[in-house]
Amino acid sequence: MYQITKDFAFSASHQLSGLHEGHKCGRLHGHNYVIRVELSSTGLDEAGFVLDYGELAPFGEWIDQHLDHRHLNDVIPDMQPSAENLALYLHDIMTVILPDIPGLMIAIGVSETPKTWAWWRP
């Protein structure tokens, strides 16, 4: 299996609901997010790539336009903006942005802090 990754970054705020009284994530707060796109394939294209990294530029542009310096509760109003849900949401965005490539598997990681990661994998 071949695998490539690329990181993207943005800053945003969110507030999580349904947590116990006094939980710090229940308060309005922000993160400097890192999004890691992980692409896997059993084969390579004619250039010897899983995917040309340049093909990921539209995803970075989408992040800059829709997530950077935004309040995630407003951007994704029908979903609790946890890192786990954000990973699934971004996976769905990525599947629309990327060309349809048979056998390409997409995993998305979301880091809210330098020590934490949440992943969505097919």
C-alpha atoms as a PDB file:
ATOM      1  CA  MET A   1       0.000   0.000   0.000  1.00  0.00           C
ATOM      2  CA  TYR A   2       1.308   3.433  -0.945  1.00  0.00           C
ATOM      3  CA  GLN A   3       0.495   6.405   1.259  1.00  0.00           C
ATOM      4  CA  ILE A   4       0.992  10.159   1.140  1.00  0.00           C
ATOM      5  CA  THR A   5       0.004  12.869   3.603  1.00  0.00           C
ATOM      6  CA  LYS A   6      -0.357  16.613   3.499  1.00  0.00           C
ATOM      7  CA  ASP A   7      -1.103  19.008   6.347  1.00  0.00           C
ATOM      8  CA  PHE A   8      -3.313  22.093   6.284  1.00  0.00           C
ATOM      9  CA  ALA A   9      -3.856  24.615   9.074  1.00  0.00           C
ATOM     10  CA  PHE A  10      -6.489  27.095  10.149  1.00  0.00           C
ATOM     11  CA  SER A  11      -7.646  28.911  13.275  1.00  0.00           C
ATOM     12  CA  ALA A  12     -11.257  28.815  14.435  1.00  0.00           C
ATOM     13  CA  SER A  13     -13.504  28.887  17.484  1.00  0.00           C
ATOM     14  CA  HIS A  14     -16.185  26.468  18.622  1.00  0.00           C
ATOM     15  CA  GLN A  15     -18.291  25.582  21.622  1.00  0.00           C
ATOM     16  CA  LEU A  16     -19.403  22.044  22.432  1.00  0.00           C
ATOM     17  CA  SER A  17     -22.785  21.262  23.921  1.00  0.00           C
ATOM     18  CA  GLY A  18     -24.012  18.363  26.030  1.00  0.00           C
ATOM     19  CA  LEU A  19     -21.000  18.312  28.327  1.00  0.00           C
ATOM     20  CA  HIS A  20     -21.101  18.253  32.110  1.00  0.00           C
ATOM     21  CA  GLU A  21     -21.355  21.553  33.976  1.00  0.00           C
ATOM     22  CA  GLY A  22     -18.027  23.384  34.042  1.00  0.00           C
ATOM     23  CA  HIS A  23     -16.372  21.374  31.247  1.00  0.00           C
ATOM     24  CA  LYS A  24     -13.882  23.722  29.590  1.00  0.00           C
ATOM     25  CA  CYS A  25     -14.947  22.705  26.079  1.00  0.00           C
ATOM     26  CA  GLY A  26     -18.478  23.893  26.852  1.00  0.00           C
ATOM     27  CA  ARG A  27     -17.179  27.446  26.896  1.00  0.00           C
ATOM     28  CA  LEU A  28     -16.481  29.401  23.723  1.00  0.00           C
ATOM     29  CA  HIS A  29     -12.832  28.749  22.835  1.00  0.00           C
ATOM     30  CA  GLY A  30     -10.534  28.438  19.847  1.00  0.00           C
ATOM     31  CA  HIS A  31      -7.844  26.237  18.383  1.00  0.00           C
ATOM     32  CA  ASN A  32      -5.066  26.392  15.844  1.00  0.00           C
ATOM     33  CA  TYR A  33      -6.185  23.318  13.925  1.00  0.00           C
ATOM     34  CA  VAL A  34      -3.989  21.056  11.844  1.00  0.00           C
ATOM     35  CA  ILE A  35      -5.758  18.893   9.290  1.00  0.00           C
ATOM     36  CA  ARG A  36      -3.837  15.911   7.944  1.00  0.00           C
ATOM     37  CA  VAL A  37      -5.024  14.358   4.699  1.00  0.00           C
ATOM     38  CA  GLU A  38      -3.838  10.783   4.296  1.00  0.00           C
ATOM     39  CA  LEU A  39      -4.264   9.209   0.855  1.00  0.00           C
ATOM     40  CA  SER A  40      -3.639   5.512   0.291  1.00  0.00           C
ATOM     41  CA  SER A  41      -3.645   3.373  -2.833  1.00  0.00           C
ATOM     42  CA  THR A  42      -2.443  -0.061  -3.883  1.00  0.00           C
ATOM     43  CA  GLY A  43      -1.163   1.402  -7.147  1.00  0.00           C
ATOM     44  CA  LEU A  44       0.424   4.516  -8.579  1.00  0.00           C
ATOM     45  CA  ASP A  45      -0.576   6.669 -11.536  1.00  0.00           C
ATOM     46  CA  GLU A  46       1.476   6.951 -14.723  1.00  0.00           C
ATOM     47  CA  ALA A  47       3.700   9.613 -13.105  1.00  0.00           C
ATOM     48  CA  GLY A  48       4.456   7.330 -10.142  1.00  0.00           C
ATOM     49  CA  PHE A  49       2.197   9.191  -7.681  1.00  0.00           C
ATOM     50  CA  VAL A  50      -0.623   8.167  -5.383  1.00  0.00           C
ATOM     51  CA  LEU A  51      -1.814  11.672  -6.275  1.00  0.00           C
ATOM     52  CA  ASP A  52       0.000  14.813  -7.333  1.00  0.00           C
ATOM     53  CA  TYR A  53       0.137  17.064  -4.240  1.00  0.00           C
ATOM     54  CA  GLY A  54      -1.004  19.931  -6.460  1.00  0.00           C
ATOM     55  CA  GLU A  55      -4.408  18.220  -6.722  1.00  0.00           C
ATOM     56  CA  LEU A  56      -4.892  18.999  -3.003  1.00  0.00           C
ATOM     57  CA  ALA A  57      -4.609  22.782  -3.454  1.00  0.00           C
ATOM     58  CA  PRO A  58      -8.395  23.256  -3.888  1.00  0.00           C
ATOM     59  CA  PHE A  59      -8.949  21.602  -0.493  1.00  0.00           C
ATOM     60  CA  GLY A  60      -6.563  24.080   1.124  1.00  0.00           C
ATOM     61  CA  GLU A  61      -8.362  26.938  -0.598  1.00  0.00           C
ATOM     62  CA  TRP A  62     -11.707  25.600   0.635  1.00  0.00           C
ATOM     63  CA  ILE A  63     -10.378  25.508   4.213  1.00  0.00           C
ATOM     64  CA  ASP A  64      -9.096  29.074   3.925  1.00  0.00           C
ATOM     65  CA  GLN A  65     -12.425  30.328   2.546  1.00  0.00           C
ATOM     66  CA  HIS A  66     -14.839  28.401   4.773  1.00  0.00           C
ATOM     67  CA  LEU A  67     -13.113  27.551   8.075  1.00  0.00           C
ATOM     68  CA  ASP A  68     -10.223  29.908   8.788  1.00  0.00           C
ATOM     69  CA  HIS A  69     -11.060  32.505  11.454  1.00  0.00           C
ATOM     70  CA  ARG A  70     -14.672  31.313  11.659  1.00  0.00           C
ATOM     71  CA  HIS A  71     -16.919  30.005  14.411  1.00  0.00           C
ATOM     72  CA  LEU A  72     -17.372  26.315  13.552  1.00  0.00           C
ATOM     73  CA  ASN A  73     -20.809  26.137  15.195  1.00  0.00           C
ATOM     74  CA  ASP A  74     -21.994  28.593  12.522  1.00  0.00           C
ATOM     75  CA  VAL A  75     -20.163  26.885   9.644  1.00  0.00           C
ATOM     76  CA  ILE A  76     -21.468  23.395  10.510  1.00  0.00           C
ATOM     77  CA  PRO A  77     -24.770  24.177  12.267  1.00  0.00           C
ATOM     78  CA  ASP A  78     -26.220  20.641  12.133  1.00  0.00           C
ATOM     79  CA  MET A  79     -23.224  18.936  13.734  1.00  0.00           C
ATOM     80  CA  GLN A  80     -21.460  19.135  17.087  1.00  0.00           C
ATOM     81  CA  PRO A  81     -18.078  20.630  15.997  1.00  0.00           C
ATOM     82  CA  SER A  82     -15.913  18.103  17.839  1.00  0.00           C
ATOM     83  CA  ALA A  83     -12.622  17.066  16.266  1.00  0.00           C
ATOM     84  CA  GLU A  84     -14.126  13.656  15.447  1.00  0.00           C
ATOM     85  CA  ASN A  85     -17.127  15.138  13.650  1.00  0.00           C
ATOM     86  CA  LEU A  86     -14.935  17.684  11.907  1.00  0.00           C
ATOM     87  CA  ALA A  87     -12.810  14.825  10.527  1.00  0.00           C
ATOM     88  CA  LEU A  88     -15.889  13.194   8.973  1.00  0.00           C
ATOM     89  CA  TYR A  89     -17.162  16.541   7.666  1.00  0.00           C
ATOM     90  CA  LEU A  90     -13.817  17.292   6.004  1.00  0.00           C
ATOM     91  CA  HIS A  91     -13.669  13.781   4.549  1.00  0.00           C
ATOM     92  CA  ASP A  92     -17.017  14.430   2.868  1.00  0.00           C
ATOM     93  CA  ILE A  93     -15.732  17.763   1.511  1.00  0.00           C
ATOM     94  CA  MET A  94     -12.561  16.075   0.238  1.00  0.00           C
ATOM     95  CA  THR A  95     -14.529  13.440  -1.678  1.00  0.00           C
ATOM     96  CA  VAL A  96     -16.298  16.222  -3.584  1.00  0.00           C
ATOM     97  CA  ILE A  97     -13.119  18.204  -4.299  1.00  0.00           C
ATOM     98  CA  LEU A  98     -10.831  15.360  -5.385  1.00  0.00           C
ATOM     99  CA  PRO A  99     -11.178  13.710  -8.769  1.00  0.00           C
ATOM    100  CA  ASP A 100     -12.762  10.248  -8.659  1.00  0.00           C
ATOM    101  CA  ILE A 101      -9.813   7.878  -8.550  1.00  0.00           C
ATOM    102  CA  PRO A 102     -10.665   4.178  -8.246  1.00  0.00           C
ATOM    103  CA  GLY A 103      -9.064   2.559  -5.205  1.00  0.00           C
ATOM    104  CA  LEU A 104      -7.998   5.833  -3.555  1.00  0.00           C
ATOM    105  CA  MET A 105      -8.716   5.765   0.190  1.00  0.00           C
ATOM    106  CA  ILE A 106      -8.985   9.037   2.071  1.00  0.00           C
ATOM    107  CA  ALA A 107      -8.445   9.421   5.819  1.00  0.00           C
ATOM    108  CA  ILE A 108      -8.650  12.763   7.607  1.00  0.00           C
ATOM    109  CA  GLY A 109      -6.986  13.654  10.904  1.00  0.00           C
ATOM    110  CA  VAL A 110      -7.865  16.708  12.977  1.00  0.00           C
ATOM    111  CA  SER A 111      -5.537  18.098  15.641  1.00  0.00           C
ATOM    112  CA  GLU A 112      -6.780  20.739  18.049  1.00  0.00           C
ATOM    113  CA  THR A 113      -3.600  20.753  20.133  1.00  0.00           C
ATOM    114  CA  PRO A 114      -0.051  19.545  19.480  1.00  0.00           C
ATOM    115  CA  LYS A 115      -0.753  16.402  21.518  1.00  0.00           C
ATOM    116  CA  THR A 116      -4.192  15.337  20.256  1.00  0.00           C
ATOM    117  CA  TRP A 117      -5.543  13.841  17.023  1.00  0.00           C
ATOM    118  CA  ALA A 118      -8.950  12.580  15.958  1.00  0.00           C
ATOM    119  CA  TRP A 119      -9.228  10.509  12.757  1.00  0.00           C
ATOM    120  CA  TRP A 120     -11.905   9.387  10.334  1.00  0.00           C
ATOM    121  CA  ARG A 121     -10.892   6.435   8.167  1.00  0.00           C
ATOM    122  CA  PRO A 122     -12.953   4.435   5.684  1.00  0.00           C
END
